[in-house]
Amino acid sequence: MYEKKQTISNSKAPDLSKMKAVIIDQKTVIYIERGASEEEAKKRYLSRGEYYNELIKRKSVVAK
């Protein structure tokens, strides 16, 4: 009746065995390249929320 489509993925997942795990908090782990700085990766990850909050503030000011 219905034929199942085969899943085809064009994107290749990175090999996590070649990357270094950085623990952000109890539930969050990110992976970075072996030579990269852990402190810089944590700082960049944690600053993402601040950037998003700034965008929300700008949109609400413009909408008024």
N, C-alpha and C. Protein backbone atom coordinates (compact mmCIF):
# COMPACT_ATOMS: atom_id res chain seq x y z
N MET A 1 0.82 -1.17 0.00
CA MET A 1 0.00 0.00 0.00
C MET A 1 0.87 1.25 0.00
N TYR A 2 1.53 1.55 1.12
CA TYR A 2 2.44 2.69 1.20
C TYR A 2 3.86 2.18 1.32
N GLU A 3 4.74 2.77 0.55
CA GLU A 3 6.14 2.39 0.65
C GLU A 3 6.84 3.33 1.60
N LYS A 4 7.65 2.78 2.44
CA LYS A 4 8.40 3.58 3.40
C LYS A 4 9.58 4.24 2.71
N LYS A 5 9.73 5.55 2.91
CA LYS A 5 10.87 6.26 2.32
C LYS A 5 12.12 5.95 3.12
N GLN A 6 13.21 5.79 2.42
CA GLN A 6 14.48 5.58 3.10
C GLN A 6 15.00 6.93 3.58
N THR A 7 15.53 6.91 4.79
CA THR A 7 16.10 8.15 5.32
C THR A 7 17.51 8.32 4.77
N ILE A 8 17.72 9.47 4.19
CA ILE A 8 19.03 9.79 3.62
C ILE A 8 19.52 11.07 4.29
N SER A 9 20.68 11.00 4.87
CA SER A 9 21.24 12.16 5.53
C SER A 9 22.48 12.62 4.77
N ASN A 10 22.45 13.86 4.32
CA ASN A 10 23.58 14.42 3.59
C ASN A 10 24.65 14.97 4.53
N SER A 11 24.25 15.26 5.77
CA SER A 11 25.22 15.83 6.70
C SER A 11 25.95 14.73 7.45
N LYS A 12 27.21 14.93 7.66
CA LYS A 12 28.01 13.96 8.38
C LYS A 12 28.19 14.44 9.82
N ALA A 13 27.95 13.55 10.77
CA ALA A 13 28.11 13.89 12.18
C ALA A 13 29.60 13.90 12.52
N PRO A 14 30.02 14.81 13.37
CA PRO A 14 31.44 14.84 13.74
C PRO A 14 31.81 13.62 14.59
N ASP A 15 33.04 13.21 14.50
CA ASP A 15 33.53 12.07 15.28
C ASP A 15 33.85 12.56 16.69
N LEU A 16 33.01 12.20 17.66
CA LEU A 16 33.18 12.69 19.02
C LEU A 16 34.41 12.12 19.72
N SER A 17 34.94 11.03 19.20
CA SER A 17 36.15 10.47 19.81
C SER A 17 37.37 11.36 19.54
N LYS A 18 37.28 12.23 18.53
CA LYS A 18 38.37 13.14 18.21
C LYS A 18 38.19 14.51 18.85
N MET A 19 37.14 14.66 19.67
CA MET A 19 36.85 15.94 20.30
C MET A 19 36.93 15.80 21.81
N LYS A 20 37.01 16.96 22.49
CA LYS A 20 37.13 16.99 23.94
C LYS A 20 35.80 17.44 24.54
N ALA A 21 35.32 16.71 25.57
CA ALA A 21 34.06 17.06 26.23
C ALA A 21 34.32 18.14 27.28
N VAL A 22 33.45 19.14 27.31
CA VAL A 22 33.52 20.22 28.30
C VAL A 22 32.18 20.22 29.04
N ILE A 23 32.25 20.04 30.36
CA ILE A 23 31.04 19.99 31.17
C ILE A 23 30.68 21.41 31.58
N ILE A 24 29.48 21.86 31.17
CA ILE A 24 29.01 23.20 31.48
C ILE A 24 28.31 23.19 32.83
N ASP A 25 27.34 22.33 32.99
CA ASP A 25 26.67 22.14 34.27
C ASP A 25 26.28 20.67 34.37
N GLN A 26 25.42 20.35 35.31
CA GLN A 26 25.09 18.95 35.58
C GLN A 26 24.44 18.26 34.38
N LYS A 27 23.70 19.00 33.57
CA LYS A 27 22.97 18.42 32.45
C LYS A 27 23.57 18.72 31.09
N THR A 28 24.53 19.61 31.02
CA THR A 28 25.01 20.11 29.74
C THR A 28 26.47 19.76 29.51
N VAL A 29 26.72 19.11 28.37
CA VAL A 29 28.08 18.80 27.94
C VAL A 29 28.20 19.26 26.50
N ILE A 30 29.26 20.01 26.18
CA ILE A 30 29.53 20.40 24.81
C ILE A 30 30.85 19.78 24.38
N TYR A 31 31.05 19.66 23.09
CA TYR A 31 32.26 19.07 22.55
C TYR A 31 33.00 20.12 21.75
N ILE A 32 34.32 20.21 21.98
CA ILE A 32 35.16 21.17 21.28
C ILE A 32 36.34 20.43 20.67
N GLU A 33 37.05 21.11 19.80
CA GLU A 33 38.25 20.53 19.21
C GLU A 33 39.30 20.32 20.28
N ARG A 34 40.19 19.38 20.08
CA ARG A 34 41.19 19.03 21.09
C ARG A 34 42.08 20.20 21.49
N GLY A 35 42.44 21.07 20.58
CA GLY A 35 43.36 22.16 20.89
C GLY A 35 42.70 23.42 21.41
N ALA A 36 41.37 23.46 21.45
CA ALA A 36 40.65 24.68 21.84
C ALA A 36 40.63 24.84 23.36
N SER A 37 40.41 26.07 23.81
CA SER A 37 40.40 26.41 25.23
C SER A 37 39.04 26.07 25.85
N GLU A 38 39.06 25.37 26.99
CA GLU A 38 37.82 25.02 27.68
C GLU A 38 37.15 26.26 28.26
N GLU A 39 37.94 27.17 28.82
CA GLU A 39 37.39 28.38 29.42
C GLU A 39 36.68 29.24 28.38
N GLU A 40 37.30 29.38 27.21
CA GLU A 40 36.71 30.17 26.13
C GLU A 40 35.41 29.53 25.65
N ALA A 41 35.38 28.21 25.55
CA ALA A 41 34.17 27.51 25.11
C ALA A 41 33.04 27.70 26.12
N LYS A 42 33.34 27.61 27.42
CA LYS A 42 32.32 27.83 28.45
C LYS A 42 31.79 29.25 28.38
N LYS A 43 32.70 30.22 28.23
CA LYS A 43 32.30 31.63 28.18
C LYS A 43 31.39 31.89 26.98
N ARG A 44 31.75 31.35 25.83
CA ARG A 44 30.94 31.54 24.62
C ARG A 44 29.58 30.88 24.77
N TYR A 45 29.54 29.69 25.35
CA TYR A 45 28.26 28.98 25.52
C TYR A 45 27.35 29.73 26.48
N LEU A 46 27.90 30.19 27.59
CA LEU A 46 27.09 30.88 28.59
C LEU A 46 26.64 32.26 28.14
N SER A 47 27.35 32.89 27.22
CA SER A 47 26.97 34.22 26.75
C SER A 47 25.87 34.17 25.69
N ARG A 48 25.53 32.99 25.21
CA ARG A 48 24.47 32.89 24.19
C ARG A 48 23.14 33.41 24.71
N GLY A 49 22.79 33.15 25.95
CA GLY A 49 21.53 33.62 26.52
C GLY A 49 21.47 35.12 26.60
N GLU A 50 22.58 35.76 26.92
CA GLU A 50 22.63 37.22 27.00
C GLU A 50 22.37 37.83 25.62
N TYR A 51 22.95 37.27 24.59
CA TYR A 51 22.75 37.76 23.23
C TYR A 51 21.28 37.64 22.84
N TYR A 52 20.67 36.50 23.15
CA TYR A 52 19.26 36.27 22.83
C TYR A 52 18.37 37.28 23.58
N ASN A 53 18.65 37.53 24.84
CA ASN A 53 17.87 38.48 25.62
C ASN A 53 17.98 39.89 25.05
N GLU A 54 19.16 40.26 24.56
CA GLU A 54 19.33 41.57 23.95
C GLU A 54 18.49 41.70 22.68
N LEU A 55 18.40 40.62 21.90
CA LEU A 55 17.58 40.66 20.69
C LEU A 55 16.11 40.83 21.04
N ILE A 56 15.64 40.15 22.07
CA ILE A 56 14.25 40.25 22.49
C ILE A 56 13.95 41.68 22.94
N LYS A 57 14.85 42.30 23.70
CA LYS A 57 14.65 43.67 24.15
C LYS A 57 14.56 44.63 22.98
N ARG A 58 15.42 44.46 21.98
CA ARG A 58 15.42 45.34 20.82
C ARG A 58 14.10 45.22 20.04
N LYS A 59 13.61 43.99 19.88
CA LYS A 59 12.37 43.79 19.12
C LYS A 59 11.19 44.42 19.84
N SER A 60 11.14 44.33 21.17
CA SER A 60 10.02 44.90 21.90
C SER A 60 10.05 46.42 21.86
N VAL A 61 11.22 47.02 21.83
CA VAL A 61 11.34 48.48 21.75
C VAL A 61 10.92 48.95 20.36
N VAL A 62 11.30 48.25 19.32
CA VAL A 62 10.97 48.63 17.96
C VAL A 62 9.47 48.45 17.71
N ALA A 63 8.85 47.44 18.30
CA ALA A 63 7.45 47.14 18.06
C ALA A 63 6.51 48.21 18.63
N LYS A 64 6.95 48.98 19.63
CA LYS A 64 6.07 49.98 20.26
C LYS A 64 5.81 51.16 19.42
